[in-house]
Amino acid sequence: MESKKGKRKMGIVSCGNAIDERMLAVPSMQGQFILVEDIILHFVSKVFSKYTIKNKGFIRVTRSADIDEDDHSLEGHDDYREMMETLIKQRRKLCPIRLEISEGLEELEIMMLMNFLNLKKNQVFLSQVPLDLGFIGTLRDHLRMLHPQLFYKRLEPRNSPMVENAVPMMKQIGKKDILLAYPFESMSPFLRLLDEASRDPQVASIKMTLYRVAKNSKIVKSLIRAADNGKEVVVLVELRARFDEENNIDWSKRLEAAGCRVIYGLDGYKVHSKLCLITYKNSQGVQYVSQIGTGNYNENTAKLYTDLALMTHNHELGEEINDVFNHLSLGETMSETQHLMVAPHCMLSKICEYIDEQIALAKEGQEAYVGFKCNSVTSRVMINKLIEASRAGVKIDMIVRGICCIIPHVEGYTDNIRVISIVGRYLEHSRIYIFGVGDNRKVYISSADLMTRNLERRVEVATPIYDKKIQRIICAMFTTMLKDNVKACELLGDGSYKRIKNKQASMNSQEYFFKKGIDVKE
C-alpha cells in the first residue's frame, strides 16, 4: 500500500482462528457461499484507510510441526503432559517452511515476504484455489440436499453377521471370536462391548491404548462411566499423535478427573498399538475379553478408514495383552512373547522368522507364500528379507497404499514380488500379514506398517488369528483386493505405477465389500 506522501508499506491482516464461521451463505443467492477472507480482502481498504491499496492477495505460512517423536527432551520430565502443552504452544513460533500465495501480489512483494520469513524460492507456491480447503466439509453438508448429483451414493455399514443384536457382547465373544471390518461393518458392536463392560458388576478393569480419538468420543465416555462405576480403568494416551496432541491432552485431563489412571507413553517409544483388555471374574476365575485392531479407537475414522478389529475370549492372548499393559505401566517394553508380535523387540524378528520358514519350503520345492497389506514399506531389514525370499522362489503379494521402497519385477532379485496400491473412496488402513498357504498358513492383523519407525521405534502389536473361519475371511478379503481393477495401480519395475486394466469383470474391492459383505470366497 502507498501513503499520500508516496511511501510504500506492506500490511498484513491476520484472519486465522479468530473467525468462527469461515463460510457464509449469500442471502440473495440460494446455494452460493462466500469465504470470510474474500470479504476481508474486498474491504481491506477500510482497514488501511490512510493508504492507497496497490496490490492485495492471500498468503499462508506453514511452520514446522516437528514435535519429534524421538525428542529426548521429553524423557524424564516430571510432568509429561505439561511439557507437551508447552511444546504445542511453541509450534506456533517454529521455523517457517512454506509460503503459499494467491494471485494479486507482484514479484517484489513476494521477495519481501521470502526475506522476512527466510525462505527460498523453492519453498514458495502460487495457488489459484483457496489456500485452506478446510471449509469443504461444511460446504459438502450444505450442498448435499441442493445438488445430490455431486455426491457418491451413500454406502451404509452393515451389521456384522457374526453379531447377534439381542445377546450381550461379552456372552457372544465368550463363545466365539468376532471380527469387525470397518467401514463395511458398523463399529457399534465394539461400542456395545465397552458400554456393557462399564456397567457389568463382574468386570474388574478395563485397559486401553488411545492414539487418536474422536472429538466427542463415545469410547472415552464409556471409560469414564466405568471409572464412575468403580472399575479400575487404565488408559495409555499417546500425547505425541501428531496434530491430535491438543485433543488427546484434553481427553487425558477428563479421564484423570474421572479417576482413571492415565499413562503418557514411553521414553523414546511412541505407543501406536490398538489394544483393549477387559478383565472380569466369574465362577471359573479371572477371564479376559480382548480387542486388538489395526486402526484407532475413533468413531469418525471408522466410517472413512478400512480397518480390522478382532474381539476374542482367548485366555492366552488376554494374559499376554495384560503383560503388555503391565510393561507399559512400568515404562518398559516386552522383550519376549509367545503369541503376539510386539514391537520394538518382538515383531521384526518374528516376521523374518516366518518368512524364513517360507524360504525353507521354497528351497524344498514346496509351495511358499507371503502376503502383506500395509500403508508403507521402508524398513531396510524387511526389504532385504523380502528380496531373499523372492530369490528363493517364495511368491509375495503386497498391497501397499503409500510409500513402497521395494521395487518388484527386478530380474534376479524381486521377480516373485507383486505390489499394488489401492486408492479409493475410503482410506486403506488395515494391516494384514499372511505366511504360507492352506491349513498351515499363519495370519495376523497388526497396527504396524513395515517401516523402520513402526518396527523398531514404536510399541506396536500384531495378533495371530486362530479362528479358522476368520482366517479364511481375512485371506479372502486380501485375495479380493488383489483382483481390484478399478481403484488399484500396480508398481512396475521402473518404479512407476500403472492403472490395472484387464479383461476380468470390473472389481472395485471397497464397493464390493459394502454390497457383498466381507465373508467372500477366496
Protein backbone atom coordinates (compact mmCIF):
# COMPACT_ATOMS: atom_id res chain seq x y z
CA MET A 1 0.00 0.00 0.00
CA GLU A 2 1.07 3.62 -0.54
CA SER A 3 0.69 6.66 1.70
CA LYS A 4 -0.29 10.13 0.48
CA LYS A 5 3.41 11.04 0.50
CA GLY A 6 4.27 8.11 -1.78
CA LYS A 7 5.79 5.89 0.89
CA ARG A 8 5.12 2.18 0.38
CA LYS A 9 4.40 -0.33 3.14
CA MET A 10 3.16 -3.87 3.43
CA GLY A 11 0.12 -4.50 5.61
CA ILE A 12 -0.97 -7.90 6.87
CA VAL A 13 -4.42 -8.72 8.27
CA SER A 14 -4.49 -11.95 10.27
CA CYS A 15 -7.64 -13.98 9.71
CA GLY A 16 -6.92 -17.26 11.43
CA ASN A 17 -8.52 -18.91 14.45
CA ALA A 18 -10.42 -15.78 15.50
CA ILE A 19 -13.01 -16.42 12.75
CA ASP A 20 -15.77 -18.78 13.89
CA GLU A 21 -17.74 -19.06 10.65
CA ARG A 22 -15.41 -19.00 7.68
CA MET A 23 -18.03 -19.77 5.02
CA LEU A 24 -21.07 -17.50 4.78
CA ALA A 25 -24.22 -18.04 2.75
CA VAL A 26 -25.03 -15.30 0.22
CA PRO A 27 -28.55 -14.23 1.31
CA SER A 28 -29.87 -13.42 -2.15
CA MET A 29 -28.42 -16.48 -3.91
CA GLN A 30 -29.50 -19.89 -2.63
CA GLY A 31 -26.75 -22.49 -2.60
CA GLN A 32 -23.94 -19.97 -3.05
CA PHE A 33 -21.39 -19.05 -0.44
CA ILE A 34 -18.51 -16.68 0.14
CA LEU A 35 -15.42 -17.09 2.31
CA VAL A 36 -14.80 -14.56 5.08
CA GLU A 37 -11.26 -13.90 3.80
CA ASP A 38 -12.71 -12.81 0.45
CA ILE A 39 -14.89 -10.27 2.25
CA ILE A 40 -11.90 -9.02 4.26
CA LEU A 41 -9.82 -8.69 1.10
CA HIS A 42 -12.60 -6.82 -0.67
CA PHE A 43 -12.93 -4.27 2.14
CA VAL A 44 -9.27 -4.18 3.19
CA SER A 45 -9.02 -0.51 2.13
CA LYS A 46 -11.27 0.31 5.10
CA VAL A 47 -8.71 -1.28 7.43
CA PHE A 48 -5.87 0.79 5.96
CA SER A 49 -7.95 3.90 5.33
CA LYS A 50 -4.96 6.29 5.16
CA TYR A 51 -3.32 4.34 2.33
CA THR A 52 -3.99 3.53 -1.28
CA ILE A 53 -4.02 -0.23 -1.88
CA LYS A 54 -1.74 -1.13 -4.79
CA ASN A 55 -1.85 -4.92 -4.69
CA LYS A 56 -3.61 -7.39 -2.47
CA GLY A 57 -3.84 -11.14 -2.09
CA PHE A 58 -3.77 -14.01 0.36
CA ILE A 59 -0.73 -15.58 1.99
CA ARG A 60 -0.46 -18.65 4.17
CA VAL A 61 2.63 -19.60 6.14
CA THR A 62 3.24 -23.22 7.11
CA ARG A 63 5.55 -23.69 10.07
CA SER A 64 7.40 -26.79 11.16
CA ALA A 65 5.14 -29.07 13.17
CA ASP A 66 8.10 -31.05 14.39
CA ILE A 67 7.38 -32.24 17.88
CA ASP A 68 9.80 -35.08 17.27
CA GLU A 69 8.64 -38.49 18.46
CA ASP A 70 12.29 -39.24 19.25
CA ASP A 71 12.90 -35.94 21.05
CA HIS A 72 14.86 -36.88 24.18
CA SER A 73 13.99 -33.56 25.82
CA LEU A 74 10.64 -35.20 26.67
CA GLU A 75 12.25 -38.03 28.57
CA GLY A 76 12.27 -37.97 32.34
CA HIS A 77 10.21 -34.78 32.55
CA ASP A 78 8.27 -34.60 35.81
CA ASP A 79 5.01 -33.59 34.12
CA TYR A 80 4.93 -35.10 30.64
CA ARG A 81 1.59 -33.54 29.75
CA GLU A 82 2.74 -30.08 30.84
CA MET A 83 5.84 -30.48 28.67
CA MET A 84 3.69 -31.41 25.66
CA GLU A 85 1.42 -28.42 26.22
CA THR A 86 4.49 -26.16 26.22
CA LEU A 87 5.77 -27.73 23.00
CA ILE A 88 2.41 -27.28 21.29
CA LYS A 89 2.44 -23.57 22.15
CA GLN A 90 5.96 -23.31 20.75
CA ARG A 91 4.76 -24.89 17.50
CA ARG A 92 3.17 -21.54 16.57
CA LYS A 93 6.63 -19.95 16.57
CA LEU A 94 8.59 -22.73 14.90
CA CYS A 95 10.55 -22.25 11.70
CA PRO A 96 8.54 -21.29 8.57
CA ILE A 97 8.96 -23.97 5.89
CA ARG A 98 6.44 -22.97 3.21
CA LEU A 99 4.76 -19.85 1.86
CA GLU A 100 1.58 -20.15 -0.21
CA ILE A 101 0.42 -17.10 -2.16
CA SER A 102 -2.71 -16.39 -4.17
CA GLU A 103 -2.82 -14.24 -7.29
CA GLY A 104 -2.55 -10.48 -6.81
CA LEU A 105 0.92 -9.95 -5.37
CA GLU A 106 3.89 -8.96 -7.52
CA GLU A 107 7.41 -10.39 -7.56
CA LEU A 108 8.87 -7.61 -5.38
CA GLU A 109 6.31 -8.21 -2.66
CA ILE A 110 6.89 -11.96 -2.79
CA MET A 111 10.64 -11.36 -2.42
CA MET A 112 9.99 -9.17 0.64
CA LEU A 113 7.96 -11.94 2.25
CA MET A 114 10.62 -14.52 1.41
CA ASN A 115 13.31 -12.39 3.01
CA PHE A 116 11.19 -11.73 6.08
CA LEU A 117 10.46 -15.46 6.54
CA ASN A 118 13.95 -16.57 5.49
CA LEU A 119 12.56 -18.81 2.73
CA LYS A 120 13.99 -19.84 -0.63
CA LYS A 121 12.22 -19.74 -3.97
CA ASN A 122 11.52 -23.47 -3.92
CA GLN A 123 9.57 -23.01 -0.68
CA VAL A 124 7.10 -20.58 -2.29
CA PHE A 125 3.96 -21.89 -4.01
CA LEU A 126 1.48 -19.90 -6.11
CA SER A 127 -2.11 -21.09 -5.90
CA GLN A 128 -5.32 -20.39 -7.80
CA VAL A 129 -7.55 -22.10 -5.25
CA PRO A 130 -8.32 -21.13 -1.63
CA LEU A 131 -5.21 -21.61 0.47
CA ASP A 132 -7.03 -23.56 3.16
CA LEU A 133 -9.58 -26.13 1.98
CA GLY A 134 -10.86 -26.86 5.48
CA PHE A 135 -14.24 -25.36 4.60
CA ILE A 136 -15.02 -28.16 2.13
CA GLY A 137 -16.65 -30.32 4.81
CA THR A 138 -19.08 -27.54 5.68
CA LEU A 139 -19.76 -26.87 2.01
CA ARG A 140 -20.47 -30.56 1.48
CA ASP A 141 -23.10 -30.58 4.21
CA HIS A 142 -24.82 -27.53 2.71
CA LEU A 143 -24.84 -28.86 -0.84
CA ARG A 144 -25.85 -32.47 -0.23
CA MET A 145 -29.57 -31.70 -0.42
CA LEU A 146 -29.32 -28.97 -3.08
CA HIS A 147 -27.13 -30.86 -5.54
CA PRO A 148 -27.29 -34.62 -4.86
CA GLN A 149 -25.74 -35.35 -8.26
CA LEU A 150 -22.41 -34.08 -6.93
CA PHE A 151 -22.18 -36.83 -4.33
CA TYR A 152 -21.40 -40.50 -4.13
CA LYS A 153 -24.36 -42.69 -3.34
CA ARG A 154 -24.38 -43.27 0.41
CA LEU A 155 -22.91 -46.59 1.47
CA GLU A 156 -24.10 -47.67 4.89
CA PRO A 157 -22.09 -50.07 7.05
CA ARG A 158 -23.91 -53.33 7.56
CA ASN A 159 -24.37 -55.17 10.83
CA SER A 160 -21.80 -57.92 11.21
CA PRO A 161 -23.33 -61.36 10.57
CA MET A 162 -21.12 -62.61 13.42
CA VAL A 163 -23.02 -60.45 15.93
CA GLU A 164 -26.48 -61.04 17.42
CA ASN A 165 -28.24 -57.81 18.35
CA ALA A 166 -30.20 -59.14 21.33
CA VAL A 167 -27.33 -61.02 23.02
CA PRO A 168 -24.78 -59.26 25.27
CA MET A 169 -21.43 -58.84 23.52
CA MET A 170 -19.38 -60.38 26.35
CA LYS A 171 -21.52 -63.50 26.18
CA GLN A 172 -21.14 -63.76 22.40
CA ILE A 173 -17.36 -63.26 22.49
CA GLY A 174 -17.17 -65.91 25.24
CA LYS A 175 -18.47 -68.43 22.70
CA LYS A 176 -16.53 -67.39 19.57
CA ASP A 177 -14.08 -64.85 18.19
CA ILE A 178 -15.66 -61.96 16.30
CA LEU A 179 -14.08 -59.90 13.50
CA LEU A 180 -15.28 -56.42 12.54
CA ALA A 181 -14.23 -54.80 9.25
CA TYR A 182 -14.67 -51.03 9.06
CA PRO A 183 -16.24 -49.14 7.29
CA PHE A 184 -18.06 -52.05 5.64
CA GLU A 185 -19.37 -53.11 9.03
CA SER A 186 -20.52 -50.97 11.92
CA MET A 187 -18.34 -50.19 14.93
CA SER A 188 -21.46 -50.49 17.13
CA PRO A 189 -20.67 -54.00 18.49
CA PHE A 190 -17.40 -52.74 19.99
CA LEU A 191 -19.13 -49.66 21.43
CA ARG A 192 -21.74 -52.01 22.92
CA LEU A 193 -18.98 -54.14 24.41
CA LEU A 194 -17.39 -51.16 26.16
CA ASP A 195 -20.75 -49.88 27.38
CA GLU A 196 -21.67 -53.31 28.77
CA ALA A 197 -18.28 -53.67 30.46
CA SER A 198 -18.60 -50.25 32.09
CA ARG A 199 -21.81 -51.41 33.83
CA ASP A 200 -21.16 -55.13 34.41
CA PRO A 201 -20.56 -55.85 38.13
CA GLN A 202 -18.28 -58.79 37.23
CA VAL A 203 -15.87 -56.54 35.31
CA ALA A 204 -12.89 -55.59 37.44
CA SER A 205 -10.86 -53.50 35.00
CA ILE A 206 -10.64 -52.02 31.52
CA LYS A 207 -7.26 -51.21 29.99
CA MET A 208 -6.90 -49.39 26.70
CA THR A 209 -4.46 -47.57 24.43
CA LEU A 210 -5.67 -44.34 22.85
CA TYR A 211 -3.82 -42.79 19.91
CA ARG A 212 -6.38 -40.71 18.00
CA VAL A 213 -9.93 -40.41 19.31
CA ALA A 214 -12.99 -38.56 18.07
CA LYS A 215 -13.80 -35.08 19.36
CA ASN A 216 -16.97 -36.32 21.02
CA SER A 217 -15.75 -39.83 21.77
CA LYS A 218 -18.30 -42.39 22.96
CA ILE A 219 -15.38 -44.68 23.75
CA VAL A 220 -13.83 -42.27 26.23
CA LYS A 221 -17.25 -41.60 27.75
CA SER A 222 -17.64 -45.35 28.37
CA LEU A 223 -14.24 -45.43 30.09
CA ILE A 224 -15.25 -42.52 32.30
CA ARG A 225 -18.54 -44.26 33.12
CA ALA A 226 -16.60 -47.41 34.05
CA ALA A 227 -14.42 -45.42 36.45
CA ASP A 228 -17.54 -43.83 37.95
CA ASN A 229 -18.89 -47.36 38.50
CA GLY A 230 -15.81 -48.37 40.47
CA LYS A 231 -13.88 -50.23 37.76
CA GLU A 232 -10.13 -49.92 37.53
CA VAL A 233 -9.54 -48.04 34.28
CA VAL A 234 -6.02 -47.77 32.90
CA VAL A 235 -5.59 -45.72 29.74
CA LEU A 236 -2.39 -45.12 27.84
CA VAL A 237 -2.90 -41.82 26.00
CA GLU A 238 -0.23 -41.17 23.38
CA LEU A 239 0.23 -37.39 23.52
CA ARG A 240 2.59 -37.44 20.53
CA ALA A 241 -0.11 -38.37 17.97
CA ARG A 242 0.83 -35.64 15.52
CA PHE A 243 -1.80 -32.87 15.18
CA ASP A 244 -4.03 -34.65 17.71
CA GLU A 245 -1.91 -33.64 20.69
CA GLU A 246 -4.30 -30.98 21.99
CA ASN A 247 -7.35 -33.25 21.66
CA ASN A 248 -5.53 -36.06 23.48
CA ILE A 249 -4.38 -33.72 26.25
CA ASP A 250 -7.97 -32.57 26.75
CA TRP A 251 -9.26 -36.15 26.98
CA SER A 252 -6.43 -37.16 29.33
CA LYS A 253 -7.48 -34.42 31.74
CA ARG A 254 -11.10 -35.61 31.69
CA LEU A 255 -10.05 -39.22 32.23
CA GLU A 256 -7.87 -38.30 35.18
CA ALA A 257 -10.63 -36.16 36.67
CA ALA A 258 -12.94 -39.21 36.49
CA GLY A 259 -10.46 -41.33 38.44
CA CYS A 260 -8.88 -43.22 35.55
CA ARG A 261 -5.18 -43.99 35.69
CA VAL A 262 -3.58 -42.30 32.69
CA ILE A 263 -0.17 -43.25 31.32
CA TYR A 264 1.57 -40.96 28.82
CA GLY A 265 3.58 -43.25 26.58
CA LEU A 266 7.18 -44.34 26.97
CA ASP A 267 10.51 -42.55 26.85
CA GLY A 268 11.85 -42.91 23.32
CA TYR A 269 8.95 -45.02 22.02
CA LYS A 270 5.63 -43.84 20.65
CA VAL A 271 2.79 -46.24 21.58
CA HIS A 272 0.87 -46.91 18.37
CA SER A 273 -0.75 -50.24 19.27
CA LYS A 274 -4.55 -50.63 19.33
CA LEU A 275 -5.42 -52.67 22.40
CA CYS A 276 -8.38 -53.00 24.74
CA LEU A 277 -8.44 -55.54 27.58
CA ILE A 278 -11.48 -56.20 29.74
CA THR A 279 -10.83 -58.32 32.85
CA TYR A 280 -13.70 -59.91 34.74
CA LYS A 281 -14.20 -62.61 37.35
CA ASN A 282 -16.72 -65.43 37.36
CA SER A 283 -17.01 -68.91 38.88
CA GLN A 284 -14.14 -70.08 36.66
CA GLY A 285 -11.78 -67.37 37.87
CA VAL A 286 -10.18 -64.44 36.07
CA GLN A 287 -11.31 -64.10 32.43
CA TYR A 288 -10.33 -61.76 29.61
CA VAL A 289 -12.08 -60.20 26.65
CA SER A 290 -9.55 -58.63 24.31
CA GLN A 291 -9.89 -56.36 21.33
CA ILE A 292 -6.89 -55.94 19.02
CA GLY A 293 -7.20 -53.71 15.98
CA THR A 294 -5.42 -52.17 13.04
CA GLY A 295 -6.91 -48.69 13.46
CA ASN A 296 -7.60 -46.05 16.06
CA TYR A 297 -10.46 -46.07 18.56
CA ASN A 298 -12.20 -43.32 16.66
CA GLU A 299 -15.87 -43.49 15.66
CA ASN A 300 -15.37 -40.94 12.89
CA THR A 301 -12.43 -42.55 11.11
CA ALA A 302 -14.14 -45.95 11.42
CA LYS A 303 -16.52 -44.59 8.74
CA LEU A 304 -13.68 -43.49 6.45
CA TYR A 305 -10.73 -45.87 7.00
CA THR A 306 -10.64 -49.58 6.20
CA ASP A 307 -9.63 -51.37 9.39
CA LEU A 308 -9.99 -54.74 11.08
CA ALA A 309 -10.75 -55.44 14.73
CA LEU A 310 -10.63 -58.82 16.47
CA MET A 311 -12.62 -59.43 19.65
CA THR A 312 -11.63 -62.63 21.43
CA HIS A 313 -12.03 -64.55 24.69
CA ASN A 314 -8.73 -66.41 24.16
CA HIS A 315 -7.17 -66.61 27.62
CA GLU A 316 -3.55 -66.87 26.48
CA LEU A 317 -3.89 -63.79 24.28
CA GLY A 318 -5.57 -61.98 27.16
CA GLU A 319 -2.73 -62.82 29.53
CA GLU A 320 -0.15 -61.63 27.03
CA ILE A 321 -2.03 -58.37 26.40
CA ASN A 322 -2.17 -57.92 30.17
CA ASP A 323 1.62 -58.34 30.20
CA VAL A 324 1.89 -55.63 27.54
CA PHE A 325 -0.09 -53.22 29.74
CA ASN A 326 1.94 -54.17 32.83
CA HIS A 327 5.17 -53.40 30.99
CA LEU A 328 3.78 -50.10 29.69
CA SER A 329 2.71 -49.17 33.24
CA LEU A 330 6.33 -49.63 34.32
CA GLY A 331 7.69 -47.68 31.37
CA GLU A 332 9.06 -50.86 29.80
CA THR A 333 8.71 -52.78 26.53
CA MET A 334 8.13 -56.50 26.01
CA SER A 335 11.28 -58.50 25.31
CA GLU A 336 9.64 -61.88 24.71
CA THR A 337 6.21 -63.11 23.57
CA GLN A 338 4.55 -66.43 22.80
CA HIS A 339 1.56 -65.39 20.70
CA LEU A 340 1.57 -61.69 19.89
CA MET A 341 4.16 -59.84 17.86
CA VAL A 342 5.11 -56.77 19.90
CA ALA A 343 7.46 -54.09 18.57
CA PRO A 344 10.08 -52.85 19.10
CA HIS A 345 11.68 -56.13 20.27
CA CYS A 346 9.35 -59.00 19.29
CA MET A 347 7.91 -58.14 15.90
CA LEU A 348 10.57 -57.66 13.24
CA SER A 349 12.41 -60.81 14.31
CA LYS A 350 9.20 -62.89 14.26
CA ILE A 351 8.20 -61.62 10.81
CA CYS A 352 11.65 -62.53 9.49
CA GLU A 353 11.40 -65.94 11.19
CA TYR A 354 8.10 -66.66 9.44
CA ILE A 355 9.49 -65.52 6.09
CA ASP A 356 12.49 -67.81 6.67
CA GLU A 357 10.05 -70.71 7.10
CA GLN A 358 8.60 -69.94 3.67
CA ILE A 359 12.10 -69.66 2.18
CA ALA A 360 12.91 -73.14 3.52
CA LEU A 361 9.72 -74.54 1.95
CA ALA A 362 10.52 -72.93 -1.40
CA LYS A 363 14.02 -74.42 -1.37
CA GLU A 364 12.44 -77.85 -0.82
CA GLY A 365 10.27 -77.31 -3.89
CA GLN A 366 7.06 -76.80 -1.89
CA GLU A 367 4.52 -74.02 -2.34
CA ALA A 368 5.61 -70.94 -0.36
CA TYR A 369 3.74 -67.68 0.04
CA VAL A 370 3.90 -64.33 1.85
CA GLY A 371 1.22 -61.63 1.72
CA PHE A 372 1.37 -58.16 3.27
CA LYS A 373 -1.14 -55.33 3.35
CA CYS A 374 0.02 -52.06 4.90
CA ASN A 375 0.33 -48.33 4.35
CA SER A 376 4.08 -48.10 3.71
CA VAL A 377 7.22 -50.20 3.28
CA THR A 378 10.53 -48.53 4.18
CA SER A 379 12.36 -50.95 6.54
CA ARG A 380 15.70 -51.95 5.00
CA VAL A 381 15.70 -55.17 7.04
CA MET A 382 12.26 -56.11 5.68
CA ILE A 383 13.20 -55.18 2.12
CA ASN A 384 16.33 -57.32 2.22
CA LYS A 385 14.40 -60.25 3.69
CA LEU A 386 11.70 -59.98 1.00
CA ILE A 387 14.36 -59.89 -1.72
CA GLU A 388 15.92 -63.01 -0.20
CA ALA A 389 12.53 -64.73 -0.18
CA SER A 390 11.80 -63.74 -3.78
CA ARG A 391 15.16 -65.09 -4.95
CA ALA A 392 14.39 -68.37 -3.16
CA GLY A 393 11.12 -68.70 -5.09
CA VAL A 394 8.59 -67.52 -2.50
CA LYS A 395 5.56 -65.89 -4.13
CA ILE A 396 4.95 -62.50 -2.49
CA ASP A 397 1.86 -60.30 -2.87
CA MET A 398 1.88 -56.84 -1.32
CA ILE A 399 -0.92 -54.27 -1.08
CA VAL A 400 0.81 -51.02 -0.14
CA ARG A 401 -1.23 -47.85 -0.32
CA GLY A 402 1.57 -45.32 0.13
CA ILE A 403 5.36 -45.30 0.17
CA CYS A 404 6.93 -48.52 -1.09
CA CYS A 405 10.73 -48.68 -1.16
CA ILE A 406 10.94 -52.16 -2.67
CA ILE A 407 10.70 -52.33 -6.46
CA PRO A 408 9.11 -55.53 -7.83
CA HIS A 409 9.88 -57.37 -11.06
CA VAL A 410 13.63 -56.70 -10.93
CA GLU A 411 15.19 -59.68 -12.67
CA GLY A 412 17.18 -61.86 -10.35
CA TYR A 413 16.01 -60.06 -7.24
CA THR A 414 12.28 -59.34 -6.96
CA ASP A 415 10.89 -61.44 -9.82
CA ASN A 416 8.35 -63.08 -7.49
CA ILE A 417 7.08 -59.88 -5.84
CA ARG A 418 3.90 -58.10 -6.93
CA VAL A 419 2.93 -54.74 -5.39
CA ILE A 420 -0.36 -52.94 -5.90
CA SER A 421 -1.77 -49.78 -4.35
CA ILE A 422 -5.49 -49.21 -3.81
CA VAL A 423 -6.54 -45.58 -3.52
CA GLY A 424 -10.30 -45.37 -3.41
CA ARG A 425 -13.18 -43.63 -1.74
CA TYR A 426 -12.06 -44.92 1.66
CA LEU A 427 -8.53 -44.79 3.08
CA GLU A 428 -6.93 -48.22 3.01
CA HIS A 429 -5.54 -48.53 6.54
CA SER A 430 -5.76 -52.17 7.68
CA ARG A 431 -2.55 -54.17 8.11
CA ILE A 432 -2.55 -57.89 7.28
CA TYR A 433 0.34 -60.37 7.40
CA ILE A 434 -0.03 -63.82 5.77
CA PHE A 435 2.62 -66.54 5.85
CA GLY A 436 2.07 -69.81 3.99
CA VAL A 437 -0.89 -71.49 2.31
CA GLY A 438 -3.67 -73.90 3.22
CA ASP A 439 -4.05 -75.30 6.71
CA ASN A 440 -0.50 -74.33 7.68
CA ARG A 441 -0.78 -70.62 6.97
CA LYS A 442 -0.32 -68.05 9.71
CA VAL A 443 -2.49 -64.93 9.59
CA TYR A 444 -2.01 -61.75 11.64
CA ILE A 445 -3.64 -58.35 11.80
CA SER A 446 -1.45 -55.53 13.06
CA SER A 447 -1.14 -51.87 13.97
CA ALA A 448 2.30 -51.70 12.30
CA ASP A 449 3.38 -50.77 8.82
CA LEU A 450 6.62 -52.28 7.51
CA MET A 451 8.55 -49.15 8.34
CA THR A 452 11.66 -48.73 10.46
CA ARG A 453 9.86 -46.36 12.83
CA ASN A 454 6.99 -48.83 13.37
CA LEU A 455 9.08 -51.97 13.74
CA GLU A 456 11.97 -50.52 15.74
CA ARG A 457 10.89 -47.28 17.42
CA ARG A 458 7.26 -47.78 18.41
CA VAL A 459 5.19 -50.08 20.57
CA GLU A 460 3.10 -51.96 18.01
CA VAL A 461 1.08 -55.16 18.34
CA ALA A 462 0.12 -57.81 15.81
CA THR A 463 -2.25 -60.58 16.86
CA PRO A 464 -2.47 -64.07 15.39
CA ILE A 465 -5.84 -65.13 14.02
CA TYR A 466 -6.51 -68.58 15.43
CA ASP A 467 -10.15 -68.92 14.38
CA LYS A 468 -10.11 -70.74 11.00
CA LYS A 469 -13.26 -69.04 9.72
CA ILE A 470 -11.88 -65.57 10.48
CA GLN A 471 -8.57 -66.60 8.90
CA ARG A 472 -10.47 -67.56 5.74
CA ILE A 473 -12.40 -64.28 5.73
CA ILE A 474 -9.25 -62.16 6.04
CA CYS A 475 -7.43 -64.12 3.32
CA ALA A 476 -10.50 -63.90 1.08
CA MET A 477 -10.59 -60.12 1.56
CA PHE A 478 -6.89 -59.98 0.68
CA THR A 479 -7.47 -62.04 -2.49
CA THR A 480 -10.41 -59.82 -3.48
CA MET A 481 -8.29 -56.69 -3.11
CA LEU A 482 -5.62 -58.25 -5.32
CA LYS A 483 -8.31 -58.54 -8.04
CA ASP A 484 -9.21 -54.82 -7.88
CA ASN A 485 -9.03 -53.38 -11.39
CA VAL A 486 -10.92 -50.13 -10.77
CA LYS A 487 -9.08 -48.34 -7.95
CA ALA A 488 -5.81 -50.29 -7.96
CA CYS A 489 -2.48 -49.45 -9.59
CA GLU A 490 0.48 -51.82 -9.96
CA LEU A 491 4.03 -50.84 -9.13
CA LEU A 492 6.28 -51.56 -12.11
CA GLY A 493 9.94 -52.47 -12.28
CA ASP A 494 10.92 -48.92 -13.25
CA GLY A 495 9.36 -47.50 -10.07
CA SER A 496 6.26 -46.08 -11.79
CA TYR A 497 2.65 -47.05 -11.17
CA LYS A 498 0.20 -48.14 -13.86
CA ARG A 499 -3.56 -48.38 -13.52
CA ILE A 500 -4.61 -52.04 -13.60
CA LYS A 501 -6.69 -52.80 -16.68
CA ASN A 502 -7.60 -56.33 -17.71
CA LYS A 503 -10.39 -58.35 -19.26
CA GLN A 504 -11.64 -59.57 -15.88
CA ALA A 505 -15.01 -58.44 -14.56
CA SER A 506 -14.91 -54.96 -13.04
CA MET A 507 -13.81 -55.15 -9.40
CA ASN A 508 -13.91 -52.18 -7.05
CA SER A 509 -12.98 -54.03 -3.86
CA GLN A 510 -14.30 -51.38 -1.47
CA GLU A 511 -17.72 -51.22 -3.11
CA TYR A 512 -17.75 -55.00 -3.38
CA PHE A 513 -17.34 -55.41 0.40
CA PHE A 514 -20.20 -52.97 1.00
CA LYS A 515 -22.50 -54.86 -1.36
CA LYS A 516 -21.48 -58.46 -0.73
CA GLY A 517 -20.06 -58.31 2.79
CA ILE A 518 -16.62 -59.46 3.89
CA ASP A 519 -17.39 -63.20 4.09
CA VAL A 520 -16.39 -63.77 0.47
CA LYS A 521 -14.80 -66.73 -1.27
CA GLU A 522 -11.06 -66.87 -1.83
